[in-house]
Protein backbone atom coordinates (compact mmCIF):
# COMPACT_ATOMS: atom_id res chain seq x y z
CA MET A 1 0.16 0.09 0.10
CA SER A 2 2.94 2.42 0.86
CA GLU A 3 4.50 1.51 -2.73
CA LYS A 4 1.32 2.52 -4.14
CA TYR A 5 1.18 5.62 -2.59
CA ASP A 6 4.58 6.79 -3.30
CA GLU A 7 4.00 5.90 -6.95
CA ASP A 8 1.07 8.18 -6.82
CA LYS A 9 2.85 11.13 -5.31
CA THR A 10 5.76 10.74 -8.30
CA ALA A 11 2.85 10.83 -10.94
CA SER A 12 2.11 13.62 -13.05
CA PRO A 13 -0.68 15.56 -12.01
CA THR A 14 -2.06 15.64 -15.51
CA ASP A 15 -1.99 11.71 -15.55
CA ASP A 16 -5.23 10.25 -14.18
CA SER A 17 -4.41 6.89 -14.90
CA THR A 18 -1.67 6.81 -12.18
CA LEU A 19 -3.82 7.94 -9.58
CA ASP A 20 -5.70 5.55 -7.15
CA LEU A 21 -8.96 7.15 -7.62
CA PRO A 22 -12.40 5.86 -8.50
CA PRO A 23 -13.14 5.70 -12.28
CA ASN A 24 -15.43 8.38 -11.91
CA LYS A 25 -14.35 11.40 -13.68
CA GLU A 26 -15.96 13.96 -11.72
CA TRP A 27 -13.49 13.43 -8.83
CA ALA A 28 -10.23 13.40 -10.87
CA PRO A 29 -7.65 15.70 -9.32
CA ILE A 30 -7.30 18.96 -10.68
CA SER A 31 -5.06 19.28 -13.56
CA GLY A 32 -1.66 21.26 -13.67
CA ALA A 33 -1.59 24.19 -15.82
CA PRO A 34 -0.44 23.00 -19.58
CA SER A 35 2.43 24.97 -20.66
CA ASN A 36 5.07 24.93 -23.43
CA ALA A 37 8.84 25.97 -23.65
CA ASN A 38 8.41 29.47 -25.69
CA SER A 39 5.51 30.44 -22.78
CA ARG A 40 7.90 29.23 -20.08
CA SER A 41 10.73 30.78 -21.34
CA ASN A 42 9.11 34.08 -22.03
CA SER A 43 7.36 34.07 -18.66
CA ARG A 44 10.88 33.24 -16.94
CA ALA A 45 12.49 36.05 -18.80
CA ARG A 46 9.71 38.68 -17.74
CA GLY A 47 9.85 37.05 -14.17
CA GLY A 48 13.77 37.77 -13.93
CA SER A 49 13.34 41.44 -14.27
CA MET A 50 9.84 41.93 -12.88
CA SER A 51 9.86 44.17 -9.67
CA LEU A 52 7.18 44.19 -6.98
CA ARG A 53 6.88 47.80 -7.46
CA SER A 54 6.04 47.23 -11.35
CA VAL A 55 3.36 44.95 -10.35
CA SER A 56 -0.06 46.63 -10.57
CA ARG A 57 -1.98 44.41 -8.97
CA ILE A 58 -1.09 41.28 -7.15
CA ARG A 59 -3.90 39.20 -5.26
CA SER A 60 -3.76 35.89 -3.44
CA ASN A 61 -4.90 32.77 -5.86
CA ASN A 62 -4.62 29.90 -3.07
CA GLY A 63 -8.12 28.81 -3.17
CA TYR A 64 -9.41 31.29 -0.42
CA GLY A 65 -11.26 33.52 -3.10
CA CYS A 66 -12.98 33.37 -6.55
CA ASP A 67 -10.05 34.02 -9.51
CA ASP A 68 -10.85 36.44 -11.89
CA HIS A 69 -8.31 35.16 -14.43
CA ASP A 70 -7.19 32.19 -15.79
CA ASP A 71 -5.19 29.58 -13.81
CA ASP A 72 -2.88 28.80 -16.81
CA THR A 73 -1.56 32.33 -16.88
CA GLU A 74 -0.91 32.20 -13.02
CA GLN A 75 0.73 29.11 -13.31
CA GLY A 76 2.93 30.02 -16.27
CA GLU A 77 3.83 33.55 -15.30
CA MET A 78 4.03 33.49 -11.42
CA GLY A 79 5.32 30.06 -11.28
CA ASP A 80 8.20 30.85 -13.41
CA ALA A 81 8.87 34.37 -11.84
CA GLU A 82 9.85 32.91 -8.76
CA GLY A 83 12.76 30.66 -10.60
CA GLY A 84 10.72 27.47 -10.81
CA VAL A 85 7.62 25.77 -11.97
CA ALA A 86 5.24 25.88 -8.86
CA GLU A 87 2.85 22.99 -9.35
CA LYS A 88 -0.63 23.02 -7.95
CA ASP A 89 -1.38 20.27 -5.37
CA PRO A 90 -4.00 18.16 -7.35
CA PHE A 91 -5.68 17.27 -4.49
CA GLU A 92 -6.08 20.86 -2.95
CA VAL A 93 -9.63 21.92 -3.21
CA ARG A 94 -10.46 25.22 -4.94
CA TRP A 95 -12.77 26.70 -7.05
CA GLU A 96 -13.17 24.81 -10.50
CA ASN A 97 -14.35 27.65 -12.62
CA GLY A 98 -13.62 30.64 -10.60
CA ASP A 99 -16.55 32.83 -10.16
CA GLN A 100 -18.65 30.54 -12.02
CA ASP A 101 -18.38 27.50 -9.54
CA PRO A 102 -21.55 26.87 -8.26
CA MET A 103 -20.36 26.82 -4.86
CA CYS A 104 -18.81 30.03 -5.14
CA PRO A 105 -21.02 32.86 -3.51
CA ARG A 106 -20.30 35.42 -6.50
CA SER A 107 -22.14 32.79 -8.75
CA MET A 108 -25.41 33.44 -6.86
CA SER A 109 -27.93 35.49 -8.85
CA LEU A 110 -27.82 39.21 -8.59
CA ALA A 111 -31.21 39.33 -6.88
CA ARG A 112 -30.20 36.78 -4.27
CA LYS A 113 -26.95 38.91 -3.52
CA TRP A 114 -29.16 41.76 -3.17
CA LEU A 115 -31.55 40.21 -0.84
CA VAL A 116 -28.49 39.12 1.46
CA VAL A 117 -27.09 42.58 1.32
CA ILE A 118 -30.62 44.05 2.44
CA ILE A 119 -31.03 41.68 5.20
CA VAL A 120 -27.46 42.25 6.63
CA SER A 121 -27.95 45.89 6.16
CA ALA A 122 -31.36 45.91 7.96
CA SER A 123 -29.98 43.93 10.80
CA SER A 124 -26.81 46.55 11.36
CA LEU A 125 -29.43 49.28 11.15
CA CYS A 126 -31.54 47.44 14.01
CA VAL A 127 -28.25 47.13 15.89
CA THR A 128 -27.14 50.69 15.61
CA CYS A 129 -30.59 52.21 16.30
CA THR A 130 -30.77 50.17 19.31
CA SER A 131 -27.48 52.34 20.56
CA SER A 132 -29.15 55.41 20.04
CA ILE A 133 -33.10 54.70 20.81
CA TYR A 134 -31.78 54.56 24.31
CA THR A 135 -31.40 58.30 24.52
CA SER A 136 -35.27 58.67 24.36
CA THR A 137 -35.62 56.94 27.72
CA TYR A 138 -33.36 59.35 29.63
CA ALA A 139 -35.71 61.22 31.74
CA GLN A 140 -37.96 58.01 32.62
CA ILE A 141 -34.98 56.01 33.81
CA GLU A 142 -33.47 58.77 35.49
CA LYS A 143 -36.91 59.17 37.58
CA ASP A 144 -37.68 55.38 37.62
CA PHE A 145 -33.91 54.36 38.92
CA HIS A 146 -33.04 57.75 40.84
CA VAL A 147 -29.90 58.52 39.01
CA SER A 148 -28.39 61.28 37.67
CA ARG A 149 -28.12 62.37 33.59
CA GLU A 150 -24.42 61.27 33.73
CA VAL A 151 -25.14 57.81 35.06
CA ALA A 152 -28.11 57.33 32.78
CA THR A 153 -25.45 58.30 29.60
CA LEU A 154 -23.57 55.16 30.83
CA GLY A 155 -26.14 52.84 28.98
CA LEU A 156 -25.38 54.71 25.79
CA SER A 157 -21.53 54.51 26.23
CA LEU A 158 -21.31 50.88 27.42
CA PHE A 159 -23.40 49.55 24.39
CA ILE A 160 -21.00 51.40 21.99
CA MET A 161 -18.26 50.24 23.88
CA GLY A 162 -19.62 46.51 23.26
CA LEU A 163 -19.99 47.34 19.55
CA GLY A 164 -16.22 48.33 19.37
CA LEU A 165 -15.11 45.17 21.53
CA GLY A 166 -17.46 42.48 19.81
CA PRO A 167 -15.85 42.75 16.44
CA MET A 168 -12.29 41.89 17.66
CA LEU A 169 -13.83 38.56 18.73
CA LEU A 170 -16.78 37.91 16.33
CA GLY A 171 -14.78 39.32 13.21
CA PRO A 172 -11.90 36.73 13.34
CA LEU A 173 -14.11 33.98 14.60
CA SER A 174 -16.24 34.19 11.54
CA GLU A 175 -12.95 33.87 9.28
CA PHE A 176 -12.49 30.42 11.08
CA TYR A 177 -16.20 29.04 11.65
CA GLY A 178 -18.05 31.08 8.85
CA ARG A 179 -20.25 33.98 8.64
CA ARG A 180 -23.75 32.26 9.13
CA PRO A 181 -23.04 30.73 12.44
CA ILE A 182 -21.79 34.00 13.87
CA TYR A 183 -24.80 35.74 12.76
CA LEU A 184 -27.30 33.44 14.05
CA VAL A 185 -25.48 32.89 17.58
CA SER A 186 -24.68 36.55 17.98
CA PHE A 187 -28.02 37.71 17.06
CA SER A 188 -30.00 35.32 19.07
CA MET A 189 -27.85 36.88 21.98
CA PHE A 190 -28.77 40.40 21.11
CA ILE A 191 -32.31 39.36 21.46
CA ILE A 192 -31.65 37.83 24.67
CA TRP A 193 -29.77 40.77 25.94
CA ILE A 194 -32.92 43.03 25.01
CA ILE A 195 -34.88 41.41 27.38
CA PRO A 196 -33.20 42.59 30.73
CA SER A 197 -33.16 45.91 29.42
CA ALA A 198 -36.89 45.74 28.94
CA VAL A 199 -37.79 44.49 32.41
CA ALA A 200 -34.90 46.00 34.32
CA GLN A 201 -35.49 46.95 38.02
CA ASN A 202 -32.39 48.82 38.57
CA ILE A 203 -29.93 50.88 36.66
CA GLN A 204 -27.19 47.99 37.44
CA THR A 205 -29.28 45.54 35.53
CA MET A 206 -29.89 48.02 32.62
CA LEU A 207 -25.94 49.05 32.26
CA VAL A 208 -24.84 45.27 32.21
CA ALA A 209 -27.59 44.58 29.67
CA ARG A 210 -26.85 47.30 27.48
CA PHE A 211 -22.95 46.30 27.37
CA PHE A 212 -23.72 42.63 26.20
CA ASP A 213 -26.30 43.76 24.01
CA GLY A 214 -23.76 45.74 22.29
CA LEU A 215 -21.17 43.09 22.41
CA ALA A 216 -23.67 40.63 20.62
CA GLY A 217 -24.89 42.71 18.04
CA SER A 218 -21.72 43.86 16.86
CA ALA A 219 -21.04 41.33 14.37
CA PHE A 220 -23.05 43.28 11.73
CA LEU A 221 -20.43 46.16 12.10
CA SER A 222 -17.53 43.71 10.76
CA VAL A 223 -18.70 40.55 9.65
CA ALA A 224 -21.30 41.91 7.30
CA GLY A 225 -18.93 43.75 5.58
CA GLY A 226 -17.01 40.68 4.88
CA THR A 227 -20.14 39.20 3.40
CA VAL A 228 -20.98 41.78 1.02
CA GLY A 229 -16.84 41.60 -0.19
CA ASP A 230 -17.61 37.76 -0.42
CA MET A 231 -20.57 37.97 -2.70
CA PHE A 232 -19.30 40.90 -4.86
CA ASN A 233 -15.99 41.21 -7.12
CA ARG A 234 -14.12 44.52 -7.34
CA GLU A 235 -15.72 45.81 -10.35
CA THR A 236 -19.44 45.75 -8.47
CA LEU A 237 -18.47 46.05 -4.93
CA GLN A 238 -18.95 49.89 -4.63
CA LEU A 239 -22.87 50.12 -4.80
CA PRO A 240 -23.41 47.20 -2.20
CA MET A 241 -20.74 48.47 0.09
CA LEU A 242 -22.43 52.18 0.13
CA ILE A 243 -25.71 50.65 0.76
CA TYR A 244 -24.29 48.52 3.79
CA THR A 245 -22.22 51.32 5.26
CA GLY A 246 -25.16 53.65 4.86
CA SER A 247 -27.07 51.62 7.79
CA PRO A 248 -25.06 52.50 10.67
CA PHE A 249 -25.62 55.94 10.18
CA ILE A 250 -29.07 55.56 9.50
CA GLY A 251 -29.89 53.44 12.66
CA PRO A 252 -28.57 56.03 15.14
CA SER A 253 -30.34 58.86 13.19
CA ILE A 254 -33.82 57.29 13.40
CA GLY A 255 -33.51 55.51 16.96
CA PRO A 256 -34.41 58.98 19.00
CA LEU A 257 -37.22 59.62 16.37
CA ILE A 258 -38.65 56.05 16.83
CA GLY A 259 -38.03 56.07 20.61
CA GLY A 260 -39.64 59.65 21.07
CA PHE A 261 -42.87 58.38 19.44
CA ILE A 262 -43.02 55.36 21.45
CA ASN A 263 -42.24 57.10 24.54
CA GLN A 264 -44.73 59.82 23.96
CA TYR A 265 -47.85 57.22 24.26
CA ALA A 266 -46.49 54.15 25.85
CA ASP A 267 -43.98 53.50 28.86
CA TRP A 268 -40.25 53.34 28.25
CA ARG A 269 -40.24 49.70 28.35
CA TRP A 270 -42.20 49.48 25.14
CA THR A 271 -38.93 50.79 23.67
CA TYR A 272 -37.39 47.52 24.11
CA TYR A 273 -40.53 45.41 23.47
CA VAL A 274 -40.50 46.71 19.91
CA LEU A 275 -36.74 46.15 19.35
CA LEU A 276 -37.53 42.56 20.48
CA ILE A 277 -40.00 42.24 17.54
CA TRP A 278 -37.95 44.20 15.11
CA SER A 279 -34.73 41.97 16.07
CA GLY A 280 -37.08 38.86 15.88
CA VAL A 281 -38.25 39.45 12.40
CA ASN A 282 -34.51 40.12 11.36
CA LEU A 283 -33.25 36.93 13.02
CA GLY A 284 -36.00 35.18 11.11
CA MET A 285 -34.78 36.56 7.65
CA ILE A 286 -31.25 35.77 8.59
CA ALA A 287 -32.17 32.13 9.29
CA LEU A 288 -33.96 31.54 6.12
CA PHE A 289 -32.26 33.89 3.32
CA VAL A 290 -28.65 34.44 4.22
CA PRO A 291 -26.25 31.52 3.30
CA GLU A 292 -22.51 30.88 4.45
CA THR A 293 -20.46 33.25 2.05
CA TYR A 294 -16.82 32.93 3.58
CA HIS A 295 -14.83 31.20 0.73
CA PRO A 296 -12.48 29.11 3.01
CA VAL A 297 -15.47 27.80 5.11
CA ILE A 298 -17.19 26.63 1.84
CA LEU A 299 -14.14 25.01 0.31
CA ARG A 300 -13.61 23.28 3.71
CA SER A 301 -17.16 21.94 3.50
CA LYS A 302 -16.40 21.09 -0.46
CA ALA A 303 -13.26 19.16 0.88
CA GLN A 304 -15.10 17.34 3.80
CA LYS A 305 -17.75 16.29 1.10
CA LEU A 306 -15.15 15.08 -1.46
CA ARG A 307 -13.35 12.91 1.07
CA LYS A 308 -16.93 11.41 2.13
CA GLU A 309 -18.09 10.54 -1.36
CA THR A 310 -14.80 9.22 -2.68
CA GLY A 311 -13.07 7.72 0.52
CA ASP A 312 -9.85 9.66 -0.41
CA GLU A 313 -8.60 11.76 2.57
CA ARG A 314 -5.84 13.34 0.31
CA TRP A 315 -8.72 16.05 -0.71
CA LYS A 316 -8.20 19.00 1.46
CA ALA A 317 -9.25 22.66 1.33
CA PRO A 318 -6.43 25.27 1.70
CA MET A 319 -7.48 26.18 5.41
CA GLU A 320 -7.16 22.45 6.44
CA LYS A 321 -3.44 22.50 5.46
CA THR A 322 -2.40 24.91 8.11
CA ASN A 323 -1.98 22.40 11.09
CA LYS A 324 -2.82 24.69 13.64
CA SER A 325 -5.13 23.78 16.41
CA ILE A 326 -8.59 25.32 17.10
CA PRO A 327 -7.30 27.14 20.36
CA ARG A 328 -4.15 28.47 18.48
CA THR A 329 -6.12 29.80 15.55
CA ILE A 330 -8.71 31.82 17.45
CA ALA A 331 -5.78 33.23 19.68
CA TYR A 332 -4.04 34.34 16.89
CA SER A 333 -7.37 35.79 15.06
CA LEU A 334 -7.96 37.62 18.14
CA LEU A 335 -4.61 39.15 18.08
CA ARG A 336 -4.82 39.91 14.34
CA PRO A 337 -7.30 43.13 14.66
CA ALA A 338 -4.73 44.69 17.13
CA GLN A 339 -2.01 43.93 14.76
CA LEU A 340 -3.84 45.85 11.97
CA LEU A 341 -4.80 48.36 14.17
CA ILE A 342 -1.39 49.32 15.89
CA PHE A 343 1.42 48.13 13.51
CA GLU A 344 1.93 45.62 10.53
CA PRO A 345 5.18 43.44 10.48
CA MET A 346 7.07 44.45 7.38
CA ARG A 347 7.57 41.86 4.75
CA GLU A 348 7.27 41.88 1.12
CA GLU A 349 5.92 38.84 -0.85
CA ARG A 350 4.75 38.08 -4.37
CA THR A 351 1.17 36.32 -3.50
CA GLY A 352 -0.18 35.11 -6.83
CA GLU A 353 -2.01 37.05 -9.63
CA ILE A 354 -0.89 39.70 -11.73
CA GLY A 355 -3.67 42.45 -13.28
CA GLY A 356 -6.79 43.93 -12.02
CA SER A 357 -7.49 47.27 -9.94
CA GLU A 358 -6.11 49.09 -6.92
CA PRO A 359 -7.86 49.10 -3.56
CA GLU A 360 -6.70 52.87 -3.53
CA TYR A 361 -9.52 53.54 -6.30
CA ARG A 362 -12.04 53.36 -3.72
CA LEU A 363 -10.65 56.21 -1.70
CA PRO A 364 -12.20 59.17 -4.00
CA PRO A 365 -15.55 59.00 -2.28
CA ALA A 366 -13.65 59.14 1.05
CA ILE A 367 -11.43 62.25 -0.09
CA VAL A 368 -14.50 64.25 -1.07
CA GLY A 369 -16.27 63.32 1.96
CA ALA A 370 -13.22 64.32 3.93
CA VAL A 371 -13.68 67.76 2.67
CA LEU A 372 -17.32 68.01 3.16
CA VAL A 373 -17.33 67.07 6.63
CA PRO A 374 -15.46 70.01 8.28
CA ILE A 375 -17.66 72.42 6.08
CA GLY A 376 -20.69 71.19 6.95
CA LEU A 377 -19.71 71.35 10.70
CA PHE A 378 -18.76 74.64 10.48
CA MET A 379 -21.72 75.76 8.60
CA PHE A 380 -23.91 73.81 11.31
CA ALA A 381 -21.84 75.93 14.21
CA TRP A 382 -21.98 79.58 13.05
CA THR A 383 -25.93 79.44 11.70
CA THR A 384 -27.60 78.12 14.85
CA TYR A 385 -28.18 81.71 15.88
CA SER A 386 -32.27 82.47 16.36
CA SER A 387 -31.77 85.14 13.58
CA VAL A 388 -30.33 82.72 11.12
CA HIS A 389 -33.12 80.57 9.44
CA TRP A 390 -33.74 77.16 10.71
CA ILE A 391 -32.90 75.42 7.31
CA VAL A 392 -29.31 76.63 7.06
CA PRO A 393 -28.02 74.65 9.93
CA ILE A 394 -30.22 71.78 8.68
CA ILE A 395 -28.45 72.05 5.40
CA GLY A 396 -25.09 72.21 7.20
CA SER A 397 -25.71 68.89 9.00
CA ALA A 398 -26.82 67.34 5.65
CA ILE A 399 -23.62 68.12 4.10
CA PHE A 400 -21.72 66.94 7.14
CA GLY A 401 -23.91 63.47 6.71
CA MET A 402 -23.33 63.21 3.28
CA GLY A 403 -19.42 63.43 3.87
CA THR A 404 -19.62 60.96 6.61
CA LEU A 405 -21.44 58.48 4.37
CA LEU A 406 -18.74 59.25 1.69
CA VAL A 407 -15.74 58.59 3.93
CA PHE A 408 -17.17 55.39 5.54
CA SER A 409 -18.17 53.98 1.98
CA GLY A 410 -14.82 54.82 0.53
CA ILE A 411 -12.78 53.57 3.90
CA PHE A 412 -15.06 50.32 4.20
CA THR A 413 -14.81 49.41 0.54
CA PHE A 414 -10.96 50.02 0.60
CA LEU A 415 -10.23 47.56 3.86
CA VAL A 416 -12.46 44.81 2.14
CA ASP A 417 -10.74 45.41 -0.93
CA ALA A 418 -7.05 45.49 0.43
CA TYR A 419 -7.55 42.83 3.00
CA PRO A 420 -9.65 40.22 1.14
CA LEU A 421 -8.97 37.34 3.26
CA TYR A 422 -8.91 39.26 6.75
CA GLY A 423 -11.58 41.73 5.73
CA ALA A 424 -13.75 41.08 8.80
CA SER A 425 -10.74 41.74 11.16
CA ALA A 426 -9.77 44.77 9.61
CA LEU A 427 -13.26 46.13 9.73
CA ALA A 428 -13.07 45.02 13.65
CA ALA A 429 -9.92 47.10 14.05
CA ASN A 430 -11.58 49.91 12.43
CA SER A 431 -15.00 49.63 14.42
CA PHE A 432 -13.13 49.17 17.83
CA ALA A 433 -11.39 52.67 17.19
CA ARG A 434 -14.48 54.49 16.34
CA SER A 435 -16.47 52.92 19.09
CA SER A 436 -13.71 53.84 21.40
CA PHE A 437 -14.47 57.51 20.77
CA GLY A 438 -17.94 57.13 20.44
CA ALA A 439 -18.15 55.54 23.98
CA ILE A 440 -16.27 58.30 25.69
CA PHE A 441 -17.44 61.71 24.04
CA PRO A 442 -21.23 60.93 25.17
CA LEU A 443 -19.72 61.38 29.03
CA PHE A 444 -18.24 64.91 28.53
CA GLY A 445 -20.01 66.11 25.53
CA VAL A 446 -23.19 67.87 27.22
CA GLN A 447 -20.56 69.74 29.76
CA MET A 448 -18.28 70.52 26.73
CA TYR A 449 -21.33 72.31 24.94
CA HIS A 450 -22.52 74.14 28.09
CA LYS A 451 -19.02 75.33 28.75
CA LEU A 452 -17.90 76.44 25.15
CA GLY A 453 -21.47 77.17 23.71
CA ASP A 454 -22.88 75.49 20.60
CA GLN A 455 -20.71 77.58 18.45
CA TRP A 456 -17.30 76.72 19.58
CA ALA A 457 -17.98 73.30 20.74
CA THR A 458 -19.12 72.22 17.13
CA SER A 459 -16.03 74.34 15.67
CA LEU A 460 -13.61 72.29 18.18
CA LEU A 461 -15.27 69.06 16.49
CA ALA A 462 -14.59 70.59 12.87
CA PHE A 463 -11.09 71.68 13.21
CA LEU A 464 -10.23 67.91 14.52
CA THR A 465 -11.98 66.79 11.27
CA VAL A 466 -9.94 69.45 9.50
CA ALA A 467 -6.69 67.77 11.02
CA MET A 468 -7.77 64.32 9.76
CA MET A 469 -8.59 65.72 6.25
CA PRO A 470 -5.42 64.72 4.45
CA PHE A 471 -5.30 60.98 5.40
CA PRO A 472 -7.85 59.76 2.77
CA TYR A 473 -5.59 61.46 -0.12
CA LEU A 474 -2.40 60.25 1.54
CA PHE A 475 -3.70 56.45 1.41
CA PHE A 476 -4.63 57.38 -2.08
CA LYS A 477 -1.41 58.45 -3.03
CA TYR A 478 0.98 56.21 -0.99
CA GLY A 479 -1.43 53.29 -0.18
CA LYS A 480 0.52 50.73 -2.53
CA LYS A 481 3.61 51.48 -0.84
CA ILE A 482 2.14 50.88 2.50
CA ARG A 483 0.39 47.80 1.29
CA GLY A 484 3.83 46.55 -0.18
CA LYS A 485 5.18 46.12 3.44
CA SER A 486 2.12 44.40 4.88
CA ARG A 487 1.94 40.70 5.40
CA PHE A 488 -2.13 40.98 5.56
CA ALA A 489 -3.00 43.26 2.68
CA THR A 490 -2.73 42.33 -1.01
CA ALA A 491 0.18 43.67 -2.46
């Protein structure tokens, strides 16, 4: 038996007769890329002089994502560019026809893709609406629980803190277990933690419930962005990502409106009863219509099916060949968002395929938005006098909102494109940084406005955005060089 196995290993991957497989050609190993002397010599000549800086776009072609180009090109060019012929493992499970593979999420119908985008965006809207709807209950909570406004505000800050910390755990876990299990478990826990908020008899119960509610619902601030990136290629990613990134801003905007309407006609606890009904409907939609979309996990399932149906244990998905234990993998995944946020070890490496677009091409909307944000804030700040018509500061706030949406749309799409394999972790790091500020500012925001006044307090925020305004352009201009020194981003 061992002699037969050794014979199999030395056989050419294109010779099916030498492999110990069932006669059914459906399970024949993936053939190596055909080549000829001219193509190999030409590609070797190109490879010898090719510099990492001259490559317009290099992407991973290791089975973790759908391929946009022919595998033969990658084998002939990139294999020889490294100075040798890099033959693929014939038993490595990958997408058979790129985006057209029936199991690839990008082969789903356009209608189904958009249904998934709408569902995850609606769930994100529900979570972020839950954060701000709490502000409409301040007065009744202060009266019922006999606490100050500062203590009541902690319920908002702790929820946002949970939103920031949760993706650090849930985002990387989705890259190991898949998107769908994280959605189902986290949103179920999100619903469960709404219940203590609805029936709380003291402020301590409310604050604890709010923190864990934000922690559980945070999956839709990081994992959902990865889902959108799983289903759409670079050419079609912009619009669905714009829809998704808009939901975290619409939610906080409509939360106080919904909460104010409820509290005008009912007890404050009905705020949470309505959230229970809303989130329950969302969970049902997720369970029924949102499939698994994370490519490595789908390929792992495909490999498991192949092993079961053929009895050949040599079929492996790329993520199954890492030889890492589950605890070690999870621990490293938890560390990755911090690495992405704080520093990235420097290492240049060719990772696969040549051609395509640059992630920096997603940043022009963010560049425009970075200019609109301070304009809107300054306009709002200095038109809030009673002598100025009310529509003028409203226009300023609309400009601010438009700029914010453009910034987030550009940045979110850039992160998903620059970190195709670790998109959820990148979004988790982004969410943690944003939520940290969002949790702290409400604790002193009221005092700041009382001390400085509406005009100068808002202007202070505008000056901060002016200081940050150049960064989208700097990443647009120098982002490729930065990615060339990253072990996580595509180079």
